[in-house]
Amino acid sequence: MTKREPAQVLARLRAGKQGKEPGKLAQAINGIQVIGFRKSLQTVLCTAQKAWWERRHAPPAPVWGSRGVGPGRMLKLEPDPPHCRARFEHAELDVRWLASDLVRITWHPGADPVPYAIAREQWPSFEPGGFGVGIEEDGSLVFRVEDRLLRRDLPPVRHGTGWCHRAVLHPDEQVHGLGERALPFDLRGTTSTMWNSEPGGHYTVGHDPIYLCTPTYVGVHTEGS
């Protein structure tokens, strides 16, 4: 970036505030003038190459409109303290404790998700605490700390290669997270799309998705989080 470019960007931002919002073509022309033709061409070529690789190597998308398949009835429970595995008619559940207050739930069949949220592989030994997970006959999961209900998951539904996750929220529960959103801080009652998107620097409240999506959320209520 040259010494003149920051001043050019500031001048264009000021001009945009004085008039109406520029259209897509005007935004493209302004962008080329600011960063130059060479950088603009590199951006276009990189975007086209990324789209080509995604079309060629992307895994099959789940058919979310289909009815889906639930776990079915529990057939066998295999304890492996402090962990356990449950086998159902159409699925397998792996419950693995990583710490006294941290448990990882994995449903199969299907490829395991990338462990972006839990990077550590080796975990020290620990003493079990008051946090427990109950597995019901239909695949529902109940998370409790002693006599307090923290969370209740309904049986998941498998759509091809994807799983539809469902949870029952507390009446006063607030939902936070899911990455960068142009939505209220409490996401309850809203719909979010998990797909990073470039809004072109122009978006308003409710525009979704935008730059950075992360499929992780926290539910906060009077019983805990």
Protein backbone atom coordinates (compact mmCIF):
# COMPACT_ATOMS: atom_id res chain seq x y z
CA MET A 1 0.00 0.00 0.00
CA THR A 2 1.42 3.41 -1.00
CA LYS A 3 1.39 6.52 1.18
CA ARG A 4 -1.46 7.96 -0.89
CA GLU A 5 -3.78 4.94 -0.56
CA PRO A 6 -4.91 5.52 3.08
CA ALA A 7 -5.91 9.07 2.17
CA GLN A 8 -7.78 7.78 -0.89
CA VAL A 9 -9.68 5.25 1.24
CA LEU A 10 -10.62 7.92 3.79
CA ALA A 11 -11.80 10.26 1.04
CA ARG A 12 -14.04 7.55 -0.45
CA LEU A 13 -15.50 6.69 2.94
CA ARG A 14 -16.35 10.34 3.53
CA ALA A 15 -17.90 10.62 0.08
CA GLY A 16 -20.01 7.53 0.76
CA LYS A 17 -21.40 9.03 3.95
CA GLN A 18 -22.53 12.19 2.15
CA GLY A 19 -24.49 10.45 -0.55
CA LYS A 20 -26.43 7.27 -1.03
CA GLU A 21 -24.86 3.85 -0.70
CA PRO A 22 -22.90 2.95 -3.88
CA GLY A 23 -24.00 0.02 -5.98
CA LYS A 24 -22.00 -3.16 -6.57
CA LEU A 25 -20.43 -1.83 -9.78
CA ALA A 26 -19.38 1.41 -8.11
CA GLN A 27 -17.93 -0.57 -5.17
CA ALA A 28 -15.94 -2.74 -7.58
CA ILE A 29 -14.56 0.27 -9.45
CA ASN A 30 -13.65 2.00 -6.20
CA GLY A 31 -11.92 -1.14 -4.95
CA ILE A 32 -9.82 -1.46 -8.11
CA GLN A 33 -8.83 2.21 -7.91
CA VAL A 34 -7.79 1.86 -4.27
CA ILE A 35 -5.79 -1.43 -4.32
CA GLY A 36 -4.74 -1.36 -7.96
CA PHE A 37 -5.42 -3.54 -10.98
CA ARG A 38 -2.77 -6.17 -10.17
CA LYS A 39 -4.05 -6.86 -6.65
CA SER A 40 -7.63 -6.87 -7.90
CA LEU A 41 -6.75 -9.46 -10.56
CA GLN A 42 -5.02 -11.63 -7.94
CA THR A 43 -8.15 -11.47 -5.79
CA VAL A 44 -10.40 -12.54 -8.67
CA LEU A 45 -8.09 -15.41 -9.66
CA CYS A 46 -7.80 -16.64 -6.06
CA THR A 47 -11.59 -16.55 -5.64
CA ALA A 48 -12.12 -18.49 -8.88
CA GLN A 49 -9.51 -21.10 -7.94
CA LYS A 50 -11.04 -21.58 -4.48
CA ALA A 51 -14.51 -22.04 -6.02
CA TRP A 52 -13.11 -24.64 -8.45
CA TRP A 53 -11.44 -26.65 -5.67
CA GLU A 54 -14.59 -26.53 -3.54
CA ARG A 55 -16.76 -27.82 -6.40
CA ARG A 56 -14.33 -30.62 -7.20
CA HIS A 57 -13.44 -31.83 -3.72
CA ALA A 58 -16.32 -30.78 -1.49
CA PRO A 59 -17.98 -33.66 0.41
CA PRO A 60 -21.59 -34.48 -0.45
CA ALA A 61 -23.95 -32.03 1.18
CA PRO A 62 -26.52 -33.40 3.67
CA VAL A 63 -30.09 -33.56 2.36
CA TRP A 64 -31.66 -31.46 5.11
CA GLY A 65 -35.07 -31.55 3.46
CA SER A 66 -35.34 -35.32 3.87
CA ARG A 67 -37.06 -36.98 6.82
CA GLY A 68 -33.82 -38.12 8.39
CA VAL A 69 -32.99 -41.12 10.57
CA GLY A 70 -32.92 -41.03 14.38
CA PRO A 71 -30.79 -43.30 16.59
CA GLY A 72 -33.67 -45.69 17.23
CA ARG A 73 -33.91 -47.82 20.35
CA MET A 74 -30.89 -48.42 22.55
CA LEU A 75 -29.53 -51.95 22.11
CA LYS A 76 -26.48 -52.02 24.38
CA LEU A 77 -24.65 -49.82 26.87
CA GLU A 78 -20.91 -50.44 27.19
CA PRO A 79 -19.42 -48.69 30.26
CA ASP A 80 -15.68 -47.91 30.20
CA PRO A 81 -15.31 -45.75 33.32
CA PRO A 82 -15.32 -42.84 33.26
CA HIS A 83 -16.35 -43.12 29.59
CA CYS A 84 -19.04 -45.17 27.91
CA ARG A 85 -20.41 -46.18 24.52
CA ALA A 86 -24.05 -46.78 23.63
CA ARG A 87 -25.24 -48.75 20.62
CA PHE A 88 -28.62 -47.95 19.07
CA GLU A 89 -30.52 -49.46 16.15
CA HIS A 90 -29.21 -46.84 13.69
CA ALA A 91 -26.35 -45.10 15.46
CA GLU A 92 -23.56 -45.31 18.01
CA LEU A 93 -22.83 -42.80 20.76
CA ASP A 94 -19.42 -42.20 22.31
CA VAL A 95 -19.32 -40.30 25.62
CA ARG A 96 -15.75 -39.39 26.58
CA TRP A 97 -14.79 -37.41 29.66
CA LEU A 98 -11.84 -35.05 29.17
CA ALA A 99 -12.01 -33.44 32.61
CA SER A 100 -14.34 -33.50 35.60
CA ASP A 101 -16.35 -30.65 34.04
CA LEU A 102 -15.78 -31.35 30.33
CA VAL A 103 -17.35 -34.15 28.28
CA ARG A 104 -17.21 -34.80 24.54
CA ILE A 105 -20.26 -36.30 22.81
CA THR A 106 -19.78 -37.98 19.41
CA TRP A 107 -22.44 -39.63 17.28
CA HIS A 108 -21.67 -42.12 14.50
CA PRO A 109 -21.86 -43.09 11.65
CA GLY A 110 -20.11 -40.32 9.79
CA ALA A 111 -16.72 -38.64 9.81
CA ASP A 112 -15.64 -37.09 13.10
CA PRO A 113 -15.73 -33.28 13.06
CA VAL A 114 -12.49 -31.31 13.05
CA PRO A 115 -11.61 -30.71 16.75
CA TYR A 116 -11.29 -26.94 16.30
CA ALA A 117 -12.72 -26.18 19.75
CA ILE A 118 -10.72 -28.81 21.69
CA ALA A 119 -7.15 -28.85 20.38
CA ARG A 120 -5.56 -30.84 23.20
CA GLU A 121 -5.14 -34.58 22.63
CA GLN A 122 -3.59 -35.71 25.93
CA TRP A 123 -5.60 -35.09 29.10
CA PRO A 124 -4.42 -35.61 32.69
CA SER A 125 -6.23 -37.97 35.02
CA PHE A 126 -8.97 -36.50 37.21
CA GLU A 127 -11.38 -37.35 39.98
CA PRO A 128 -15.06 -37.55 38.92
CA GLY A 129 -17.15 -34.65 40.21
CA GLY A 130 -20.85 -33.93 40.44
CA PHE A 131 -21.27 -33.42 36.69
CA GLY A 132 -23.04 -36.34 34.98
CA VAL A 133 -24.58 -37.35 31.66
CA GLY A 134 -27.69 -39.51 31.43
CA ILE A 135 -28.41 -41.55 28.28
CA GLU A 136 -32.06 -42.37 27.64
CA GLU A 137 -33.50 -45.22 25.58
CA ASP A 138 -34.32 -43.02 22.56
CA GLY A 139 -30.92 -41.27 22.47
CA SER A 140 -31.87 -38.20 24.49
CA LEU A 141 -29.08 -36.87 26.72
CA VAL A 142 -29.50 -35.21 30.11
CA PHE A 143 -26.65 -33.17 31.60
CA ARG A 144 -26.81 -32.53 35.35
CA VAL A 145 -24.66 -31.11 38.12
CA GLU A 146 -25.94 -32.96 41.19
CA ASP A 147 -29.69 -32.17 41.16
CA ARG A 148 -29.49 -29.19 38.75
CA LEU A 149 -30.51 -29.72 35.12
CA LEU A 150 -27.97 -27.95 32.90
CA ARG A 151 -29.06 -29.19 29.51
CA ARG A 152 -31.27 -31.67 27.69
CA ASP A 153 -30.51 -32.84 24.15
CA LEU A 154 -33.21 -34.46 22.03
CA PRO A 155 -32.26 -37.47 19.87
CA PRO A 156 -30.24 -36.21 16.88
CA VAL A 157 -31.44 -36.87 13.33
CA ARG A 158 -29.04 -38.01 10.61
CA HIS A 159 -29.50 -36.63 7.08
CA GLY A 160 -27.03 -38.48 4.88
CA THR A 161 -23.59 -37.33 6.00
CA GLY A 162 -24.89 -34.64 8.37
CA TRP A 163 -26.47 -34.64 11.81
CA CYS A 164 -29.25 -32.32 12.95
CA HIS A 165 -28.67 -31.38 16.59
CA ARG A 166 -31.57 -30.31 18.81
CA ALA A 167 -31.66 -29.11 22.41
CA VAL A 168 -34.42 -28.05 24.80
CA LEU A 169 -33.77 -24.54 26.12
CA HIS A 170 -34.62 -23.36 29.63
CA PRO A 171 -37.38 -20.73 29.75
CA ASP A 172 -34.88 -18.02 30.74
CA GLU A 173 -31.94 -19.34 28.69
CA GLN A 174 -29.89 -16.96 26.55
CA VAL A 175 -27.81 -18.16 23.61
CA HIS A 176 -24.50 -16.52 22.75
CA GLY A 177 -21.75 -17.25 20.23
CA LEU A 178 -21.75 -18.64 16.65
CA GLY A 179 -18.99 -16.25 15.62
CA GLU A 180 -19.30 -12.78 14.12
CA ARG A 181 -22.96 -11.86 13.66
CA ALA A 182 -24.93 -8.72 12.82
CA LEU A 183 -27.56 -9.98 15.26
CA PRO A 184 -28.55 -9.26 18.88
CA PHE A 185 -26.15 -10.44 21.59
CA ASP A 186 -28.79 -12.96 22.70
CA LEU A 187 -29.31 -15.11 19.59
CA ARG A 188 -32.40 -16.90 20.88
CA GLY A 189 -35.25 -16.58 18.37
CA THR A 190 -32.93 -15.83 15.45
CA THR A 191 -31.63 -17.98 12.58
CA SER A 192 -27.93 -18.13 11.72
CA THR A 193 -26.26 -19.61 8.64
CA MET A 194 -22.90 -21.38 9.02
CA TRP A 195 -21.13 -20.03 5.93
CA ASN A 196 -18.44 -17.34 5.85
CA SER A 197 -19.52 -14.58 3.47
CA GLU A 198 -18.07 -11.25 2.33
CA PRO A 199 -20.82 -8.60 2.55
CA GLY A 200 -18.65 -6.07 0.70
CA GLY A 201 -18.27 -3.78 3.69
CA HIS A 202 -21.97 -2.86 3.65
CA TYR A 203 -24.41 -4.67 5.94
CA THR A 204 -27.06 -3.76 8.47
CA VAL A 205 -28.52 -5.40 11.59
CA GLY A 206 -29.96 -8.78 10.64
CA HIS A 207 -27.68 -9.38 7.65
CA ASP A 208 -26.48 -12.99 7.85
CA PRO A 209 -24.04 -14.57 7.32
CA ILE A 210 -21.02 -12.27 7.37
CA TYR A 211 -17.29 -12.72 7.78
CA LEU A 212 -16.54 -15.34 10.44
CA CYS A 213 -18.88 -18.14 11.56
CA THR A 214 -18.00 -20.62 14.31
CA PRO A 215 -20.38 -23.51 15.13
CA THR A 216 -20.01 -23.07 18.90
CA TYR A 217 -22.53 -21.50 21.25
CA VAL A 218 -23.05 -21.08 25.00
CA GLY A 219 -26.42 -21.31 26.72
CA VAL A 220 -26.69 -19.29 29.96
CA HIS A 221 -29.56 -19.70 32.43
CA THR A 222 -30.29 -19.65 36.15
CA GLU A 223 -29.11 -23.25 36.65
CA GLY A 224 -25.71 -22.62 35.03
CA SER A 225 -24.27 -22.68 31.52
